[in-house]
Amino acid sequence: MHQPSALGERIRAVRRHYRETQEEFGEKIGISGNRVSELENGKGGTGAGVVQALCAAFSVRHQWVLSGKGEMLEKAEKSRDENDLSHRLLLLEERVGRIMGTATTDREETGEDEAVVQVPLYSSAVPAGMPAAAADEVECSVDFPRSWTKGKKNIYALTVSGDSMMDIGIMPGDTLLVEARETARDGQVVIASLNSEVTVKTLCISAGGAVALAPENRKYHPIPVPPDSDFRIMGVVLAAVRQYR
């Protein structure tokens, strides 16, 4: 079975599978039909919110949407009959559109390499709880829409363990997209090393300059950062991706 190689192709594949018009499809994921057409044709970036809404509305796997790897749907569904008249008409309409120059794929519009970016995924989970020792081995690379990186160059990914950040939607098992940097602003969610142990927390800097790493779960307490501690920022979290099983 052909796996769509560009993000726009995959969005189109979901819409075709459920036999939705662009207007019907857009209504279910909170965007206009015109915006659906733009996304399918590689015009403009695709935000995390749209991907999450698509996965929730149509039971599509995040991993497949982002990379095209694995199965499209959370649960296997019966294949559509290729002889079905409405499906054949839909395919014919889109093929005619391409012939007339009114539709292009992501690869045709921007090039496949411009649609997604490969991000190294580190093998050890970063705790969203008490800090724990972190490993620096890269497990694999994962594909993210380039628009999610916001033009940043030094990007990596980590998996979350623990529940101390759940009040802002960061859950155990989530994959974090992180910009590697050594500075951050008060209130940003950071990957930080404290005395050689790594954690994900919200950075808090008081008016007097005191630093703490704050959880986003009321059952946990902020972790103070003493002035004489070995403390450094390792990155700022840009996005969190969840795969439903």
C-alpha atoms as a PDB file:
ATOM      1  CA  MET A   1       0.000   0.000   0.000  1.00  0.00           C
ATOM      2  CA  HIS A   2       1.375   3.425  -0.955  1.00  0.00           C
ATOM      3  CA  GLN A   3       2.314   5.535   2.072  1.00  0.00           C
ATOM      4  CA  PRO A   4       1.862   9.294   1.402  1.00  0.00           C
ATOM      5  CA  SER A   5       5.297  10.873   1.808  1.00  0.00           C
ATOM      6  CA  ALA A   6       4.273  14.474   2.470  1.00  0.00           C
ATOM      7  CA  LEU A   7       2.129  15.899   5.253  1.00  0.00           C
ATOM      8  CA  GLY A   8      -0.420  17.378   2.839  1.00  0.00           C
ATOM      9  CA  GLU A   9      -0.799  14.026   1.107  1.00  0.00           C
ATOM     10  CA  ARG A  10      -1.487  12.362   4.448  1.00  0.00           C
ATOM     11  CA  ILE A  11      -4.144  14.927   5.372  1.00  0.00           C
ATOM     12  CA  ARG A  12      -5.775  14.346   1.992  1.00  0.00           C
ATOM     13  CA  ALA A  13      -5.596  10.568   2.521  1.00  0.00           C
ATOM     14  CA  VAL A  14      -7.522  10.865   5.810  1.00  0.00           C
ATOM     15  CA  ARG A  15     -10.210  13.000   4.168  1.00  0.00           C
ATOM     16  CA  ARG A  16     -10.535  10.552   1.283  1.00  0.00           C
ATOM     17  CA  HIS A  17     -10.768   7.587   3.629  1.00  0.00           C
ATOM     18  CA  TYR A  18     -13.747   9.132   5.425  1.00  0.00           C
ATOM     19  CA  ARG A  19     -15.275  10.445   2.176  1.00  0.00           C
ATOM     20  CA  GLU A  20     -15.485  14.010   3.455  1.00  0.00           C
ATOM     21  CA  THR A  21     -15.653  17.143   1.370  1.00  0.00           C
ATOM     22  CA  GLN A  22     -13.086  19.762   2.285  1.00  0.00           C
ATOM     23  CA  GLU A  23     -15.818  21.804   4.002  1.00  0.00           C
ATOM     24  CA  GLU A  24     -17.078  18.823   6.031  1.00  0.00           C
ATOM     25  CA  PHE A  25     -13.562  17.797   6.938  1.00  0.00           C
ATOM     26  CA  GLY A  26     -12.592  21.323   7.982  1.00  0.00           C
ATOM     27  CA  GLU A  27     -15.669  21.742  10.165  1.00  0.00           C
ATOM     28  CA  LYS A  28     -14.723  18.658  12.179  1.00  0.00           C
ATOM     29  CA  ILE A  29     -11.188  19.888  12.901  1.00  0.00           C
ATOM     30  CA  GLY A  30     -12.022  23.557  13.376  1.00  0.00           C
ATOM     31  CA  ILE A  31     -10.773  25.122  10.142  1.00  0.00           C
ATOM     32  CA  SER A  32     -12.356  26.281   6.887  1.00  0.00           C
ATOM     33  CA  GLY A  33     -12.655  24.230   3.728  1.00  0.00           C
ATOM     34  CA  ASN A  34     -10.324  26.673   1.987  1.00  0.00           C
ATOM     35  CA  ARG A  35      -7.708  26.080   4.704  1.00  0.00           C
ATOM     36  CA  VAL A  36      -8.051  22.314   4.224  1.00  0.00           C
ATOM     37  CA  SER A  37      -7.298  22.841   0.528  1.00  0.00           C
ATOM     38  CA  GLU A  38      -4.226  24.926   1.404  1.00  0.00           C
ATOM     39  CA  LEU A  39      -2.915  22.269   3.797  1.00  0.00           C
ATOM     40  CA  GLU A  40      -3.437  19.473   1.281  1.00  0.00           C
ATOM     41  CA  ASN A  41      -1.595  21.538  -1.342  1.00  0.00           C
ATOM     42  CA  GLY A  42       1.337  22.438   0.903  1.00  0.00           C
ATOM     43  CA  LYS A  43       0.461  26.111   1.339  1.00  0.00           C
ATOM     44  CA  GLY A  44       1.316  27.418   4.797  1.00  0.00           C
ATOM     45  CA  GLY A  45       2.449  25.523   7.871  1.00  0.00           C
ATOM     46  CA  THR A  46       0.407  23.014   9.819  1.00  0.00           C
ATOM     47  CA  GLY A  47       0.116  23.825  13.518  1.00  0.00           C
ATOM     48  CA  ALA A  48       0.104  21.291  16.347  1.00  0.00           C
ATOM     49  CA  GLY A  49      -3.515  22.130  17.138  1.00  0.00           C
ATOM     50  CA  VAL A  50      -4.699  21.077  13.690  1.00  0.00           C
ATOM     51  CA  VAL A  51      -2.815  17.780  13.897  1.00  0.00           C
ATOM     52  CA  GLN A  52      -4.211  17.045  17.348  1.00  0.00           C
ATOM     53  CA  ALA A  53      -7.752  17.903  16.233  1.00  0.00           C
ATOM     54  CA  LEU A  54      -7.394  15.653  13.172  1.00  0.00           C
ATOM     55  CA  CYS A  55      -6.148  12.721  15.265  1.00  0.00           C
ATOM     56  CA  ALA A  56      -8.937  13.171  17.806  1.00  0.00           C
ATOM     57  CA  ALA A  57     -11.742  13.590  15.251  1.00  0.00           C
ATOM     58  CA  PHE A  58     -10.744  10.714  12.978  1.00  0.00           C
ATOM     59  CA  SER A  59      -8.846   8.270  15.267  1.00  0.00           C
ATOM     60  CA  VAL A  60      -5.645   8.775  13.301  1.00  0.00           C
ATOM     61  CA  ARG A  61      -2.240   7.970  14.809  1.00  0.00           C
ATOM     62  CA  HIS A  62       0.056  10.947  15.516  1.00  0.00           C
ATOM     63  CA  GLN A  63       3.093   8.957  14.383  1.00  0.00           C
ATOM     64  CA  TRP A  64       1.522   8.320  10.979  1.00  0.00           C
ATOM     65  CA  VAL A  65       0.463  11.961  10.509  1.00  0.00           C
ATOM     66  CA  LEU A  66       3.941  13.257  11.377  1.00  0.00           C
ATOM     67  CA  SER A  67       6.077  10.677   9.572  1.00  0.00           C
ATOM     68  CA  GLY A  68       3.864   8.417   7.443  1.00  0.00           C
ATOM     69  CA  LYS A  69       5.198   5.374   9.299  1.00  0.00           C
ATOM     70  CA  GLY A  70       2.987   2.542  10.496  1.00  0.00           C
ATOM     71  CA  GLU A  71      -0.778   2.297  10.284  1.00  0.00           C
ATOM     72  CA  MET A  72      -2.912   5.370   9.610  1.00  0.00           C
ATOM     73  CA  LEU A  73      -5.739   4.521  12.014  1.00  0.00           C
ATOM     74  CA  GLU A  74      -5.726   3.655  15.694  1.00  0.00           C
ATOM     75  CA  LYS A  75      -7.887   0.633  14.951  1.00  0.00           C
ATOM     76  CA  ALA A  76      -7.865  -1.285  11.694  1.00  0.00           C
ATOM     77  CA  GLU A  77     -10.914  -0.521   9.612  1.00  0.00           C
ATOM     78  CA  LYS A  78     -12.367  -2.395   6.688  1.00  0.00           C
ATOM     79  CA  SER A  79     -10.862  -1.159   3.445  1.00  0.00           C
ATOM     80  CA  ARG A  80     -13.103   0.932   1.266  1.00  0.00           C
ATOM     81  CA  ASP A  81     -14.359  -0.718  -1.907  1.00  0.00           C
ATOM     82  CA  GLU A  82     -12.350   0.789  -4.746  1.00  0.00           C
ATOM     83  CA  ASN A  83     -15.301   0.188  -7.056  1.00  0.00           C
ATOM     84  CA  ASP A  84     -17.577   2.385  -4.974  1.00  0.00           C
ATOM     85  CA  LEU A  85     -18.961   5.056  -7.317  1.00  0.00           C
ATOM     86  CA  SER A  86     -18.634   7.998  -4.930  1.00  0.00           C
ATOM     87  CA  HIS A  87     -15.020   7.136  -4.142  1.00  0.00           C
ATOM     88  CA  ARG A  88     -14.172   6.840  -7.823  1.00  0.00           C
ATOM     89  CA  LEU A  89     -15.784  10.210  -8.527  1.00  0.00           C
ATOM     90  CA  LEU A  90     -13.794  11.812  -5.709  1.00  0.00           C
ATOM     91  CA  LEU A  91     -10.525  10.461  -7.085  1.00  0.00           C
ATOM     92  CA  LEU A  92     -11.478  11.602 -10.582  1.00  0.00           C
ATOM     93  CA  GLU A  93     -12.293  15.123  -9.348  1.00  0.00           C
ATOM     94  CA  GLU A  94      -8.926  15.489  -7.616  1.00  0.00           C
ATOM     95  CA  ARG A  95      -6.988  14.052 -10.566  1.00  0.00           C
ATOM     96  CA  VAL A  96      -8.696  16.497 -12.913  1.00  0.00           C
ATOM     97  CA  GLY A  97      -7.816  19.292 -10.515  1.00  0.00           C
ATOM     98  CA  ARG A  98      -4.151  18.366 -10.666  1.00  0.00           C
ATOM     99  CA  ILE A  99      -4.210  18.134 -14.452  1.00  0.00           C
ATOM    100  CA  MET A 100      -5.735  21.616 -14.638  1.00  0.00           C
ATOM    101  CA  GLY A 101      -3.058  22.974 -12.322  1.00  0.00           C
ATOM    102  CA  THR A 102      -5.418  23.677  -9.402  1.00  0.00           C
ATOM    103  CA  ALA A 103      -3.899  21.172  -6.981  1.00  0.00           C
ATOM    104  CA  THR A 104      -0.334  20.331  -5.969  1.00  0.00           C
ATOM    105  CA  THR A 105       1.126  18.130  -3.285  1.00  0.00           C
ATOM    106  CA  ASP A 106       3.472  19.233  -0.525  1.00  0.00           C
ATOM    107  CA  ARG A 107       6.387  17.802  -2.467  1.00  0.00           C
ATOM    108  CA  GLU A 108       5.412  19.703  -5.613  1.00  0.00           C
ATOM    109  CA  GLU A 109       4.847  22.924  -3.719  1.00  0.00           C
ATOM    110  CA  THR A 110       7.794  23.049  -1.305  1.00  0.00           C
ATOM    111  CA  GLY A 111       9.779  19.833  -1.699  1.00  0.00           C
ATOM    112  CA  GLU A 112       9.532  16.908   0.708  1.00  0.00           C
ATOM    113  CA  ASP A 113      12.614  17.971   2.676  1.00  0.00           C
ATOM    114  CA  GLU A 114      11.029  21.356   3.388  1.00  0.00           C
ATOM    115  CA  ALA A 115       7.767  19.897   4.710  1.00  0.00           C
ATOM    116  CA  VAL A 116       9.249  17.930   7.609  1.00  0.00           C
ATOM    117  CA  VAL A 117      12.440  17.931   9.642  1.00  0.00           C
ATOM    118  CA  GLN A 118      14.146  14.955  11.279  1.00  0.00           C
ATOM    119  CA  VAL A 119      14.703  15.436  15.007  1.00  0.00           C
ATOM    120  CA  PRO A 120      16.923  13.186  17.159  1.00  0.00           C
ATOM    121  CA  LEU A 121      14.968  11.393  19.907  1.00  0.00           C
ATOM    122  CA  TYR A 122      17.041  10.676  23.009  1.00  0.00           C
ATOM    123  CA  SER A 123      16.658   7.215  24.482  1.00  0.00           C
ATOM    124  CA  SER A 124      15.998   8.071  28.139  1.00  0.00           C
ATOM    125  CA  ALA A 125      12.791   9.686  29.312  1.00  0.00           C
ATOM    126  CA  VAL A 126      13.122  13.091  30.950  1.00  0.00           C
ATOM    127  CA  PRO A 127      11.317  13.067  34.284  1.00  0.00           C
ATOM    128  CA  ALA A 128       8.313  15.299  34.877  1.00  0.00           C
ATOM    129  CA  GLY A 129       8.672  14.576  38.563  1.00  0.00           C
ATOM    130  CA  MET A 130      11.762  14.509  40.746  1.00  0.00           C
ATOM    131  CA  PRO A 131      14.985  14.881  38.726  1.00  0.00           C
ATOM    132  CA  ALA A 132      16.758  11.708  37.679  1.00  0.00           C
ATOM    133  CA  ALA A 133      19.975  10.942  35.855  1.00  0.00           C
ATOM    134  CA  ALA A 134      19.674  11.409  32.085  1.00  0.00           C
ATOM    135  CA  ALA A 135      21.387   9.480  29.315  1.00  0.00           C
ATOM    136  CA  ASP A 136      22.670  11.173  26.168  1.00  0.00           C
ATOM    137  CA  GLU A 137      22.171   8.368  23.654  1.00  0.00           C
ATOM    138  CA  VAL A 138      20.070   9.009  20.568  1.00  0.00           C
ATOM    139  CA  GLU A 139      17.478   6.275  20.096  1.00  0.00           C
ATOM    140  CA  CYS A 140      16.217   7.264  16.643  1.00  0.00           C
ATOM    141  CA  SER A 141      15.029  10.224  14.603  1.00  0.00           C
ATOM    142  CA  VAL A 142      11.411  11.356  14.399  1.00  0.00           C
ATOM    143  CA  ASP A 143       9.789  13.585  11.790  1.00  0.00           C
ATOM    144  CA  PHE A 144       8.078  16.820  12.795  1.00  0.00           C
ATOM    145  CA  PRO A 145       6.434  19.442  10.582  1.00  0.00           C
ATOM    146  CA  ARG A 146       9.084  22.079   9.919  1.00  0.00           C
ATOM    147  CA  SER A 147       6.635  24.801  10.964  1.00  0.00           C
ATOM    148  CA  TRP A 148       6.662  23.424  14.526  1.00  0.00           C
ATOM    149  CA  THR A 149      10.366  24.198  14.905  1.00  0.00           C
ATOM    150  CA  LYS A 150       9.704  27.935  14.358  1.00  0.00           C
ATOM    151  CA  GLY A 151      12.867  28.230  12.297  1.00  0.00           C
ATOM    152  CA  LYS A 152      15.086  26.993  15.142  1.00  0.00           C
ATOM    153  CA  LYS A 153      18.140  24.956  14.189  1.00  0.00           C
ATOM    154  CA  ASN A 154      19.255  23.124  17.349  1.00  0.00           C
ATOM    155  CA  ILE A 155      16.246  20.880  17.950  1.00  0.00           C
ATOM    156  CA  TYR A 156      15.917  17.571  19.757  1.00  0.00           C
ATOM    157  CA  ALA A 157      13.158  15.381  21.220  1.00  0.00           C
ATOM    158  CA  LEU A 158      12.644  13.664  24.562  1.00  0.00           C
ATOM    159  CA  THR A 159      10.001  11.391  26.034  1.00  0.00           C
ATOM    160  CA  VAL A 160       8.322  12.405  29.303  1.00  0.00           C
ATOM    161  CA  SER A 161       7.968  10.259  32.396  1.00  0.00           C
ATOM    162  CA  GLY A 162       6.079  11.320  35.510  1.00  0.00           C
ATOM    163  CA  ASP A 163       3.008  13.492  35.970  1.00  0.00           C
ATOM    164  CA  SER A 164       4.245  16.734  37.529  1.00  0.00           C
ATOM    165  CA  MET A 165       3.485  18.786  34.387  1.00  0.00           C
ATOM    166  CA  MET A 166       0.033  17.374  33.633  1.00  0.00           C
ATOM    167  CA  ASP A 167      -1.854  20.578  34.520  1.00  0.00           C
ATOM    168  CA  ILE A 168      -0.469  22.213  31.370  1.00  0.00           C
ATOM    169  CA  GLY A 169      -1.122  19.127  29.243  1.00  0.00           C
ATOM    170  CA  ILE A 170       2.272  17.397  29.411  1.00  0.00           C
ATOM    171  CA  MET A 171       1.524  13.749  30.205  1.00  0.00           C
ATOM    172  CA  PRO A 172       3.680  10.654  30.797  1.00  0.00           C
ATOM    173  CA  GLY A 173       4.742   9.220  27.447  1.00  0.00           C
ATOM    174  CA  ASP A 174       4.443  12.509  25.568  1.00  0.00           C
ATOM    175  CA  THR A 175       7.230  13.418  23.159  1.00  0.00           C
ATOM    176  CA  LEU A 176       8.633  16.904  23.723  1.00  0.00           C
ATOM    177  CA  LEU A 177      10.069  18.988  20.898  1.00  0.00           C
ATOM    178  CA  VAL A 178      12.887  21.036  22.446  1.00  0.00           C
ATOM    179  CA  GLU A 179      15.131  23.883  21.299  1.00  0.00           C
ATOM    180  CA  ALA A 180      18.633  23.355  22.690  1.00  0.00           C
ATOM    181  CA  ARG A 181      19.673  26.563  24.432  1.00  0.00           C
ATOM    182  CA  GLU A 182      21.325  27.707  27.654  1.00  0.00           C
ATOM    183  CA  THR A 183      19.036  30.622  28.527  1.00  0.00           C
ATOM    184  CA  ALA A 184      15.288  30.911  29.120  1.00  0.00           C
ATOM    185  CA  ARG A 185      12.735  33.443  30.368  1.00  0.00           C
ATOM    186  CA  ASP A 186      10.688  33.312  33.524  1.00  0.00           C
ATOM    187  CA  GLY A 187       7.609  31.166  32.898  1.00  0.00           C
ATOM    188  CA  GLN A 188       9.029  29.074  30.052  1.00  0.00           C
ATOM    189  CA  VAL A 189       8.919  25.271  30.230  1.00  0.00           C
ATOM    190  CA  VAL A 190      12.517  24.089  30.221  1.00  0.00           C
ATOM    191  CA  ILE A 191      14.694  21.022  30.259  1.00  0.00           C
ATOM    192  CA  ALA A 192      17.111  21.742  33.099  1.00  0.00           C
ATOM    193  CA  SER A 193      20.064  19.995  34.716  1.00  0.00           C
ATOM    194  CA  LEU A 194      20.365  20.409  38.487  1.00  0.00           C
ATOM    195  CA  ASN A 195      23.447  18.837  40.056  1.00  0.00           C
ATOM    196  CA  SER A 196      23.828  16.569  37.003  1.00  0.00           C
ATOM    197  CA  GLU A 197      20.210  15.404  37.100  1.00  0.00           C
ATOM    198  CA  VAL A 198      17.714  16.358  34.406  1.00  0.00           C
ATOM    199  CA  THR A 199      14.042  17.304  34.614  1.00  0.00           C
ATOM    200  CA  VAL A 200      11.320  19.195  32.743  1.00  0.00           C
ATOM    201  CA  LYS A 201       9.758  22.048  34.725  1.00  0.00           C
ATOM    202  CA  THR A 202       8.574  25.642  34.459  1.00  0.00           C
ATOM    203  CA  LEU A 203      11.396  28.097  35.108  1.00  0.00           C
ATOM    204  CA  CYS A 204      10.558  30.624  37.837  1.00  0.00           C
ATOM    205  CA  ILE A 205      12.761  33.666  38.457  1.00  0.00           C
ATOM    206  CA  SER A 206      11.718  35.993  41.270  1.00  0.00           C
ATOM    207  CA  ALA A 207      12.105  39.771  41.261  1.00  0.00           C
ATOM    208  CA  GLY A 208      15.121  39.293  43.537  1.00  0.00           C
ATOM    209  CA  GLY A 209      16.743  36.818  41.149  1.00  0.00           C
ATOM    210  CA  ALA A 210      15.967  33.596  43.050  1.00  0.00           C
ATOM    211  CA  VAL A 211      15.512  30.627  40.715  1.00  0.00           C
ATOM    212  CA  ALA A 212      13.220  27.624  41.129  1.00  0.00           C
ATOM    213  CA  LEU A 213      11.931  24.805  38.939  1.00  0.00           C
ATOM    214  CA  ALA A 214       8.165  24.639  39.348  1.00  0.00           C
ATOM    215  CA  PRO A 215       5.931  21.630  38.642  1.00  0.00           C
ATOM    216  CA  GLU A 216       2.508  22.086  37.091  1.00  0.00           C
ATOM    217  CA  ASN A 217       0.730  19.715  39.452  1.00  0.00           C
ATOM    218  CA  ARG A 218      -0.356  20.812  42.910  1.00  0.00           C
ATOM    219  CA  LYS A 219       0.748  17.599  44.594  1.00  0.00           C
ATOM    220  CA  TYR A 220       4.386  18.486  43.855  1.00  0.00           C
ATOM    221  CA  HIS A 221       6.465  21.327  45.317  1.00  0.00           C
ATOM    222  CA  PRO A 222       8.825  23.719  43.508  1.00  0.00           C
ATOM    223  CA  ILE A 223      12.486  22.735  43.468  1.00  0.00           C
ATOM    224  CA  PRO A 224      14.703  25.612  44.671  1.00  0.00           C
ATOM    225  CA  VAL A 225      17.945  26.217  42.780  1.00  0.00           C
ATOM    226  CA  PRO A 226      20.620  27.338  45.284  1.00  0.00           C
ATOM    227  CA  PRO A 227      23.168  29.841  43.965  1.00  0.00           C
ATOM    228  CA  ASP A 228      26.027  27.390  44.568  1.00  0.00           C
ATOM    229  CA  SER A 229      24.341  24.464  42.764  1.00  0.00           C
ATOM    230  CA  ASP A 230      25.425  23.014  39.442  1.00  0.00           C
ATOM    231  CA  PHE A 231      22.499  24.322  37.402  1.00  0.00           C
ATOM    232  CA  ARG A 232      22.067  24.880  33.698  1.00  0.00           C
ATOM    233  CA  ILE A 233      19.321  25.178  31.127  1.00  0.00           C
ATOM    234  CA  MET A 234      19.480  22.498  28.430  1.00  0.00           C
ATOM    235  CA  GLY A 235      16.552  23.578  26.292  1.00  0.00           C
ATOM    236  CA  VAL A 236      13.151  25.245  25.987  1.00  0.00           C
ATOM    237  CA  VAL A 237      10.101  23.101  25.182  1.00  0.00           C
ATOM    238  CA  LEU A 238       8.379  24.102  21.915  1.00  0.00           C
ATOM    239  CA  ALA A 239       5.654  21.455  21.678  1.00  0.00           C
ATOM    240  CA  ALA A 240       4.348  18.196  23.140  1.00  0.00           C
ATOM    241  CA  VAL A 241       2.975  15.334  21.038  1.00  0.00           C
ATOM    242  CA  ARG A 242       0.829  12.511  22.400  1.00  0.00           C
ATOM    243  CA  GLN A 243       0.157   9.170  20.752  1.00  0.00           C
ATOM    244  CA  TYR A 244      -3.097   7.532  21.849  1.00  0.00           C
ATOM    245  CA  ARG A 245      -3.046   3.772  22.111  1.00  0.00           C
END
